[in-house]
Amino acid sequence: MELIPGFLLGFLGSFHCIGMCGPLILALPHSSRFMLRRIIHSLGRVITYALFGLIFGILGERLFLAGLQQVISIILGGLIIIAVVLPFNIKTNFLKTAGLDKIINRLKISISKLYKSNSAIASFGIGLLNGFLPCRFVYIALTGHSP
């Protein structure tokens, strides 16, 4: 991904994140170390996103060397466009038939259990798991497409 499109994706995506992920941050257990808990949570998210970047970077390099990167980029770009324009009920049915809704529900349950704890480790765990929640901006960044 080029530097300028990557920066624009991050900058414009941050407005989306304020509305979507902001409430998750505000719901973290309150303690005397309010800011420290938020930093620990963000560290967990950054580690998850860095792991995704590493995995997809290695895969992308392998695909590039095999000469498949352009074809797969076009296919993934098309899938992202289709995902945006499909009605909500079709997306919901797809998630159910693909079994992804069960994975997402387990993820939500795990995060919910961690929210009940008031420890720094729980904040870190919430951040790690938060990185796995579905987010189109993350998917776009992982596939190397600019907005």
N, C-alpha and C. Protein backbone atom coordinates (compact mmCIF):
# COMPACT_ATOMS: atom_id res chain seq x y z
N MET A 1 0.86 -1.17 0.00
CA MET A 1 0.00 0.00 0.00
C MET A 1 0.90 1.23 0.00
N GLU A 2 0.53 2.18 -0.77
CA GLU A 2 1.29 3.42 -0.83
C GLU A 2 1.09 4.20 0.47
N LEU A 3 2.03 5.08 0.75
CA LEU A 3 2.00 5.82 2.01
C LEU A 3 0.81 6.78 2.09
N ILE A 4 0.55 7.55 1.05
CA ILE A 4 -0.53 8.55 1.10
C ILE A 4 -1.90 7.87 1.18
N PRO A 5 -2.21 6.86 0.34
CA PRO A 5 -3.51 6.20 0.52
C PRO A 5 -3.64 5.54 1.89
N GLY A 6 -2.56 4.97 2.40
CA GLY A 6 -2.60 4.37 3.73
C GLY A 6 -2.90 5.41 4.81
N PHE A 7 -2.25 6.58 4.69
CA PHE A 7 -2.51 7.66 5.64
C PHE A 7 -3.96 8.12 5.54
N LEU A 8 -4.46 8.30 4.32
CA LEU A 8 -5.84 8.75 4.14
C LEU A 8 -6.83 7.72 4.68
N LEU A 9 -6.56 6.44 4.46
CA LEU A 9 -7.42 5.39 4.99
C LEU A 9 -7.46 5.47 6.51
N GLY A 10 -6.30 5.62 7.13
CA GLY A 10 -6.26 5.72 8.58
C GLY A 10 -6.94 6.97 9.10
N PHE A 11 -6.70 8.10 8.44
CA PHE A 11 -7.28 9.36 8.89
C PHE A 11 -8.80 9.35 8.74
N LEU A 12 -9.28 8.99 7.56
CA LEU A 12 -10.73 8.98 7.34
C LEU A 12 -11.41 7.88 8.15
N GLY A 13 -10.72 6.76 8.30
CA GLY A 13 -11.27 5.67 9.09
C GLY A 13 -11.39 6.01 10.56
N SER A 14 -10.55 6.94 11.03
CA SER A 14 -10.60 7.30 12.45
C SER A 14 -11.94 7.91 12.83
N PHE A 15 -12.59 8.60 11.91
CA PHE A 15 -13.91 9.16 12.21
C PHE A 15 -14.93 8.03 12.40
N HIS A 16 -14.82 7.01 11.58
CA HIS A 16 -15.67 5.83 11.72
C HIS A 16 -15.40 5.15 13.06
N CYS A 17 -14.12 5.04 13.41
CA CYS A 17 -13.72 4.36 14.64
C CYS A 17 -14.23 5.08 15.89
N ILE A 18 -14.27 6.39 15.84
CA ILE A 18 -14.77 7.15 16.99
C ILE A 18 -16.20 6.73 17.30
N GLY A 19 -17.01 6.58 16.26
CA GLY A 19 -18.40 6.21 16.46
C GLY A 19 -18.61 4.74 16.77
N MET A 20 -17.79 3.88 16.17
CA MET A 20 -17.99 2.44 16.34
C MET A 20 -17.22 1.87 17.53
N CYS A 21 -15.95 2.22 17.65
CA CYS A 21 -15.11 1.65 18.70
C CYS A 21 -15.04 2.54 19.93
N GLY A 22 -15.36 3.82 19.77
CA GLY A 22 -15.33 4.74 20.90
C GLY A 22 -16.16 4.26 22.08
N PRO A 23 -17.40 3.82 21.85
CA PRO A 23 -18.19 3.31 22.98
C PRO A 23 -17.56 2.10 23.66
N LEU A 24 -16.86 1.26 22.89
CA LEU A 24 -16.18 0.12 23.51
C LEU A 24 -15.10 0.58 24.47
N ILE A 25 -14.39 1.62 24.08
CA ILE A 25 -13.33 2.16 24.93
C ILE A 25 -13.95 2.79 26.19
N LEU A 26 -15.03 3.53 26.00
CA LEU A 26 -15.67 4.19 27.14
C LEU A 26 -16.28 3.19 28.11
N ALA A 27 -16.61 2.00 27.63
CA ALA A 27 -17.21 0.98 28.48
C ALA A 27 -16.19 0.18 29.28
N LEU A 28 -14.90 0.41 29.02
CA LEU A 28 -13.88 -0.31 29.79
C LEU A 28 -14.08 -0.03 31.27
N PRO A 29 -13.77 -1.02 32.11
CA PRO A 29 -13.93 -0.81 33.56
C PRO A 29 -13.16 0.42 34.03
N HIS A 30 -13.82 1.22 34.86
CA HIS A 30 -13.19 2.43 35.39
C HIS A 30 -12.34 2.07 36.60
N SER A 31 -11.24 2.75 36.72
CA SER A 31 -10.38 2.57 37.87
C SER A 31 -9.60 3.86 38.08
N SER A 32 -8.75 3.85 39.07
CA SER A 32 -7.94 5.04 39.33
C SER A 32 -6.91 5.26 38.22
N ARG A 33 -6.67 4.24 37.44
CA ARG A 33 -5.70 4.32 36.34
C ARG A 33 -6.45 4.34 35.01
N PHE A 34 -7.31 5.31 34.87
CA PHE A 34 -8.18 5.42 33.71
C PHE A 34 -7.40 5.42 32.39
N MET A 35 -6.43 6.31 32.26
CA MET A 35 -5.68 6.42 31.00
C MET A 35 -4.79 5.21 30.76
N LEU A 36 -4.22 4.66 31.81
CA LEU A 36 -3.36 3.49 31.67
C LEU A 36 -4.15 2.32 31.09
N ARG A 37 -5.39 2.14 31.55
CA ARG A 37 -6.23 1.05 31.04
C ARG A 37 -6.52 1.24 29.54
N ARG A 38 -6.74 2.47 29.13
CA ARG A 38 -7.01 2.73 27.71
C ARG A 38 -5.77 2.47 26.87
N ILE A 39 -4.61 2.81 27.40
CA ILE A 39 -3.36 2.57 26.68
C ILE A 39 -3.11 1.06 26.57
N ILE A 40 -3.35 0.33 27.66
CA ILE A 40 -3.18 -1.13 27.63
C ILE A 40 -4.14 -1.76 26.64
N HIS A 41 -5.39 -1.28 26.62
CA HIS A 41 -6.38 -1.77 25.65
C HIS A 41 -5.91 -1.51 24.22
N SER A 42 -5.45 -0.31 23.97
CA SER A 42 -4.98 0.03 22.62
C SER A 42 -3.76 -0.79 22.23
N LEU A 43 -2.90 -1.09 23.17
CA LEU A 43 -1.75 -1.95 22.91
C LEU A 43 -2.20 -3.33 22.44
N GLY A 44 -3.24 -3.86 23.08
CA GLY A 44 -3.80 -5.15 22.65
C GLY A 44 -4.31 -5.09 21.22
N ARG A 45 -5.04 -4.03 20.88
CA ARG A 45 -5.55 -3.87 19.52
C ARG A 45 -4.41 -3.75 18.52
N VAL A 46 -3.40 -2.94 18.86
CA VAL A 46 -2.27 -2.74 17.96
C VAL A 46 -1.55 -4.06 17.70
N ILE A 47 -1.40 -4.88 18.73
CA ILE A 47 -0.74 -6.17 18.56
C ILE A 47 -1.55 -7.06 17.61
N THR A 48 -2.87 -7.08 17.76
CA THR A 48 -3.71 -7.87 16.86
C THR A 48 -3.60 -7.36 15.43
N TYR A 49 -3.68 -6.04 15.24
CA TYR A 49 -3.58 -5.48 13.89
C TYR A 49 -2.20 -5.71 13.29
N ALA A 50 -1.16 -5.63 14.11
CA ALA A 50 0.20 -5.89 13.62
C ALA A 50 0.34 -7.35 13.19
N LEU A 51 -0.27 -8.25 13.95
CA LEU A 51 -0.24 -9.67 13.58
C LEU A 51 -0.96 -9.89 12.25
N PHE A 52 -2.13 -9.25 12.09
CA PHE A 52 -2.84 -9.33 10.81
C PHE A 52 -1.97 -8.80 9.67
N GLY A 53 -1.33 -7.66 9.91
CA GLY A 53 -0.47 -7.06 8.89
C GLY A 53 0.68 -7.98 8.52
N LEU A 54 1.28 -8.62 9.51
CA LEU A 54 2.37 -9.56 9.26
C LEU A 54 1.90 -10.73 8.42
N ILE A 55 0.79 -11.33 8.82
CA ILE A 55 0.26 -12.49 8.09
C ILE A 55 -0.10 -12.13 6.66
N PHE A 56 -0.86 -11.03 6.50
CA PHE A 56 -1.28 -10.66 5.15
C PHE A 56 -0.12 -10.12 4.33
N GLY A 57 0.87 -9.50 4.97
CA GLY A 57 2.06 -9.06 4.26
C GLY A 57 2.84 -10.23 3.69
N ILE A 58 2.99 -11.27 4.50
CA ILE A 58 3.68 -12.48 4.03
C ILE A 58 2.89 -13.15 2.91
N LEU A 59 1.58 -13.26 3.10
CA LEU A 59 0.74 -13.86 2.05
C LEU A 59 0.79 -13.03 0.77
N GLY A 60 0.72 -11.71 0.91
CA GLY A 60 0.77 -10.83 -0.27
C GLY A 60 2.08 -10.95 -1.01
N GLU A 61 3.17 -11.07 -0.28
CA GLU A 61 4.48 -11.23 -0.92
C GLU A 61 4.54 -12.55 -1.68
N ARG A 62 3.99 -13.59 -1.10
CA ARG A 62 3.98 -14.91 -1.77
C ARG A 62 3.11 -14.85 -3.04
N LEU A 63 1.95 -14.18 -2.92
CA LEU A 63 1.08 -14.07 -4.09
C LEU A 63 1.74 -13.23 -5.18
N PHE A 64 2.45 -12.18 -4.78
CA PHE A 64 3.15 -11.33 -5.75
C PHE A 64 4.19 -12.15 -6.49
N LEU A 65 4.94 -12.94 -5.74
CA LEU A 65 5.98 -13.76 -6.37
C LEU A 65 5.39 -14.82 -7.28
N ALA A 66 4.17 -15.28 -6.98
CA ALA A 66 3.51 -16.28 -7.81
C ALA A 66 2.77 -15.64 -8.98
N GLY A 67 2.73 -14.30 -9.04
CA GLY A 67 2.05 -13.61 -10.13
C GLY A 67 0.54 -13.55 -9.98
N LEU A 68 0.03 -13.77 -8.78
CA LEU A 68 -1.42 -13.81 -8.57
C LEU A 68 -1.97 -12.57 -7.87
N GLN A 69 -1.10 -11.67 -7.46
CA GLN A 69 -1.54 -10.56 -6.62
C GLN A 69 -2.59 -9.69 -7.31
N GLN A 70 -2.39 -9.35 -8.58
CA GLN A 70 -3.36 -8.48 -9.27
C GLN A 70 -4.73 -9.13 -9.36
N VAL A 71 -4.76 -10.40 -9.71
CA VAL A 71 -6.03 -11.10 -9.85
C VAL A 71 -6.76 -11.15 -8.51
N ILE A 72 -6.05 -11.50 -7.46
CA ILE A 72 -6.68 -11.59 -6.15
C ILE A 72 -7.09 -10.21 -5.64
N SER A 73 -6.30 -9.18 -5.93
CA SER A 73 -6.67 -7.82 -5.53
C SER A 73 -7.97 -7.39 -6.20
N ILE A 74 -8.12 -7.71 -7.47
CA ILE A 74 -9.35 -7.35 -8.18
C ILE A 74 -10.54 -8.12 -7.61
N ILE A 75 -10.35 -9.40 -7.33
CA ILE A 75 -11.43 -10.20 -6.75
C ILE A 75 -11.83 -9.66 -5.38
N LEU A 76 -10.84 -9.38 -4.52
CA LEU A 76 -11.15 -8.86 -3.18
C LEU A 76 -11.78 -7.48 -3.25
N GLY A 77 -11.32 -6.64 -4.16
CA GLY A 77 -11.93 -5.32 -4.34
C GLY A 77 -13.39 -5.45 -4.75
N GLY A 78 -13.65 -6.37 -5.67
CA GLY A 78 -15.03 -6.62 -6.09
C GLY A 78 -15.89 -7.12 -4.94
N LEU A 79 -15.34 -8.01 -4.12
CA LEU A 79 -16.09 -8.51 -2.96
C LEU A 79 -16.40 -7.41 -1.96
N ILE A 80 -15.44 -6.49 -1.78
CA ILE A 80 -15.68 -5.38 -0.86
C ILE A 80 -16.80 -4.49 -1.39
N ILE A 81 -16.79 -4.21 -2.68
CA ILE A 81 -17.86 -3.39 -3.28
C ILE A 81 -19.20 -4.10 -3.14
N ILE A 82 -19.23 -5.39 -3.42
CA ILE A 82 -20.47 -6.16 -3.29
C ILE A 82 -20.96 -6.12 -1.84
N ALA A 83 -20.05 -6.27 -0.89
CA ALA A 83 -20.43 -6.25 0.53
C ALA A 83 -21.05 -4.92 0.93
N VAL A 84 -20.61 -3.85 0.30
CA VAL A 84 -21.14 -2.53 0.63
C VAL A 84 -22.55 -2.35 0.08
N VAL A 85 -22.81 -2.85 -1.12
CA VAL A 85 -24.09 -2.59 -1.76
C VAL A 85 -25.15 -3.65 -1.46
N LEU A 86 -24.76 -4.79 -0.91
CA LEU A 86 -25.76 -5.83 -0.60
C LEU A 86 -26.67 -5.38 0.54
N PRO A 87 -27.94 -5.71 0.44
CA PRO A 87 -28.85 -5.40 1.55
C PRO A 87 -28.43 -6.14 2.82
N PHE A 88 -28.80 -5.57 3.96
CA PHE A 88 -28.39 -6.10 5.27
C PHE A 88 -28.84 -7.54 5.47
N ASN A 89 -30.08 -7.87 5.07
CA ASN A 89 -30.60 -9.22 5.32
C ASN A 89 -29.82 -10.29 4.54
N ILE A 90 -29.32 -9.94 3.37
CA ILE A 90 -28.52 -10.89 2.60
C ILE A 90 -27.17 -11.12 3.29
N LYS A 91 -26.57 -10.05 3.80
CA LYS A 91 -25.31 -10.17 4.53
C LYS A 91 -25.50 -11.03 5.78
N THR A 92 -26.60 -10.79 6.49
CA THR A 92 -26.87 -11.53 7.71
C THR A 92 -27.05 -13.01 7.41
N ASN A 93 -27.79 -13.33 6.35
CA ASN A 93 -27.98 -14.73 5.96
C ASN A 93 -26.66 -15.38 5.55
N PHE A 94 -25.80 -14.63 4.87
CA PHE A 94 -24.49 -15.16 4.48
C PHE A 94 -23.66 -15.51 5.71
N LEU A 95 -23.66 -14.61 6.71
CA LEU A 95 -22.90 -14.87 7.93
C LEU A 95 -23.40 -16.13 8.63
N LYS A 96 -24.73 -16.33 8.63
CA LYS A 96 -25.30 -17.51 9.27
C LYS A 96 -24.92 -18.78 8.53
N THR A 97 -25.02 -18.75 7.20
CA THR A 97 -24.72 -19.95 6.43
C THR A 97 -23.23 -20.26 6.43
N ALA A 98 -22.40 -19.25 6.53
CA ALA A 98 -20.95 -19.49 6.53
C ALA A 98 -20.46 -19.87 7.93
N GLY A 99 -21.31 -19.78 8.94
CA GLY A 99 -20.91 -20.12 10.30
C GLY A 99 -20.14 -19.01 10.99
N LEU A 100 -20.00 -17.89 10.34
CA LEU A 100 -19.23 -16.80 10.92
C LEU A 100 -19.95 -16.16 12.10
N ASP A 101 -21.27 -16.22 12.11
CA ASP A 101 -22.01 -15.63 13.22
C ASP A 101 -21.70 -16.34 14.54
N LYS A 102 -21.44 -17.65 14.50
CA LYS A 102 -21.09 -18.38 15.72
C LYS A 102 -19.73 -17.93 16.25
N ILE A 103 -18.79 -17.72 15.35
CA ILE A 103 -17.47 -17.25 15.75
C ILE A 103 -17.57 -15.86 16.36
N ILE A 104 -18.33 -14.98 15.71
CA ILE A 104 -18.48 -13.61 16.20
C ILE A 104 -19.19 -13.60 17.55
N ASN A 105 -20.20 -14.46 17.72
CA ASN A 105 -20.90 -14.54 19.01
C ASN A 105 -19.97 -15.02 20.12
N ARG A 106 -19.12 -16.00 19.84
CA ARG A 106 -18.15 -16.46 20.85
C ARG A 106 -17.18 -15.34 21.22
N LEU A 107 -16.80 -14.58 20.22
CA LEU A 107 -15.91 -13.45 20.46
C LEU A 107 -16.58 -12.42 21.37
N LYS A 108 -17.84 -12.13 21.09
CA LYS A 108 -18.60 -11.18 21.91
C LYS A 108 -18.74 -11.67 23.35
N ILE A 109 -19.00 -12.96 23.52
CA ILE A 109 -19.14 -13.53 24.86
C ILE A 109 -17.82 -13.41 25.63
N SER A 110 -16.71 -13.70 24.94
CA SER A 110 -15.39 -13.59 25.59
C SER A 110 -15.10 -12.16 26.01
N ILE A 111 -15.42 -11.22 25.13
CA ILE A 111 -15.20 -9.81 25.46
C ILE A 111 -16.09 -9.40 26.64
N SER A 112 -17.34 -9.87 26.64
CA SER A 112 -18.27 -9.54 27.71
C SER A 112 -17.75 -10.04 29.06
N LYS A 113 -17.20 -11.25 29.09
CA LYS A 113 -16.64 -11.78 30.34
C LYS A 113 -15.47 -10.93 30.82
N LEU A 114 -14.64 -10.47 29.90
CA LEU A 114 -13.50 -9.65 30.27
C LEU A 114 -13.95 -8.28 30.81
N TYR A 115 -15.04 -7.75 30.26
CA TYR A 115 -15.55 -6.45 30.73
C TYR A 115 -15.96 -6.51 32.21
N LYS A 116 -16.34 -7.70 32.67
CA LYS A 116 -16.76 -7.84 34.06
C LYS A 116 -15.58 -7.80 35.03
N SER A 117 -14.38 -8.00 34.51
CA SER A 117 -13.19 -7.96 35.35
C SER A 117 -12.67 -6.53 35.42
N ASN A 118 -11.98 -6.22 36.48
CA ASN A 118 -11.46 -4.86 36.63
C ASN A 118 -9.93 -4.88 36.68
N SER A 119 -9.34 -5.71 35.83
CA SER A 119 -7.89 -5.82 35.85
C SER A 119 -7.28 -5.27 34.56
N ALA A 120 -6.00 -4.95 34.64
CA ALA A 120 -5.28 -4.46 33.47
C ALA A 120 -5.16 -5.56 32.42
N ILE A 121 -5.03 -6.79 32.87
CA ILE A 121 -4.94 -7.92 31.94
C ILE A 121 -6.23 -8.06 31.15
N ALA A 122 -7.37 -7.82 31.79
CA ALA A 122 -8.66 -7.87 31.10
C ALA A 122 -8.73 -6.78 30.04
N SER A 123 -8.23 -5.58 30.35
CA SER A 123 -8.22 -4.49 29.37
C SER A 123 -7.37 -4.87 28.16
N PHE A 124 -6.23 -5.51 28.41
CA PHE A 124 -5.36 -5.97 27.33
C PHE A 124 -6.08 -7.04 26.50
N GLY A 125 -6.73 -7.99 27.18
CA GLY A 125 -7.47 -9.04 26.48
C GLY A 125 -8.61 -8.50 25.64
N ILE A 126 -9.31 -7.50 26.18
CA ILE A 126 -10.39 -6.87 25.42
C ILE A 126 -9.81 -6.23 24.16
N GLY A 127 -8.67 -5.58 24.28
CA GLY A 127 -8.03 -4.98 23.11
C GLY A 127 -7.63 -6.02 22.08
N LEU A 128 -7.03 -7.12 22.54
CA LEU A 128 -6.65 -8.19 21.61
C LEU A 128 -7.86 -8.73 20.86
N LEU A 129 -8.93 -9.01 21.60
CA LEU A 129 -10.14 -9.56 20.98
C LEU A 129 -10.86 -8.52 20.13
N ASN A 130 -10.82 -7.26 20.54
CA ASN A 130 -11.45 -6.19 19.78
C ASN A 130 -10.88 -6.13 18.37
N GLY A 131 -9.61 -6.45 18.22
CA GLY A 131 -8.99 -6.45 16.89
C GLY A 131 -9.59 -7.48 15.95
N PHE A 132 -10.28 -8.48 16.50
CA PHE A 132 -10.89 -9.52 15.67
C PHE A 132 -12.34 -9.20 15.29
N LEU A 133 -12.91 -8.15 15.89
CA LEU A 133 -14.29 -7.79 15.52
C LEU A 133 -14.33 -7.33 14.06
N PRO A 134 -15.39 -7.66 13.34
CA PRO A 134 -15.47 -7.29 11.92
C PRO A 134 -15.40 -5.78 11.72
N CYS A 135 -14.54 -5.35 10.81
CA CYS A 135 -14.39 -3.94 10.48
C CYS A 135 -13.93 -3.82 9.03
N ARG A 136 -14.73 -3.15 8.22
CA ARG A 136 -14.39 -3.04 6.79
C ARG A 136 -13.11 -2.24 6.57
N PHE A 137 -12.84 -1.26 7.43
CA PHE A 137 -11.60 -0.49 7.25
C PHE A 137 -10.38 -1.37 7.45
N VAL A 138 -10.46 -2.28 8.40
CA VAL A 138 -9.34 -3.22 8.61
C VAL A 138 -9.21 -4.11 7.38
N TYR A 139 -10.31 -4.61 6.86
CA TYR A 139 -10.27 -5.49 5.70
C TYR A 139 -9.69 -4.78 4.49
N ILE A 140 -10.08 -3.52 4.30
CA ILE A 140 -9.54 -2.76 3.17
C ILE A 140 -8.03 -2.57 3.33
N ALA A 141 -7.61 -2.25 4.54
CA ALA A 141 -6.18 -2.07 4.78
C ALA A 141 -5.41 -3.37 4.56
N LEU A 142 -5.98 -4.47 4.99
CA LEU A 142 -5.31 -5.77 4.85
C LEU A 142 -5.17 -6.19 3.39
N THR A 143 -6.15 -5.86 2.58
CA THR A 143 -6.07 -6.25 1.18
C THR A 143 -5.25 -5.27 0.35
N GLY A 144 -4.83 -4.17 0.97
CA GLY A 144 -3.95 -3.22 0.27
C GLY A 144 -4.67 -2.29 -0.66
N HIS A 145 -5.97 -2.15 -0.51
CA HIS A 145 -6.75 -1.23 -1.35
C HIS A 145 -6.87 0.11 -0.67
N SER A 146 -6.85 1.16 -1.45
CA SER A 146 -7.13 2.48 -0.89
C SER A 146 -8.62 2.76 -1.03
N PRO A 147 -9.15 3.67 -0.18
CA PRO A 147 -10.60 3.93 -0.20
C PRO A 147 -11.06 4.57 -1.50
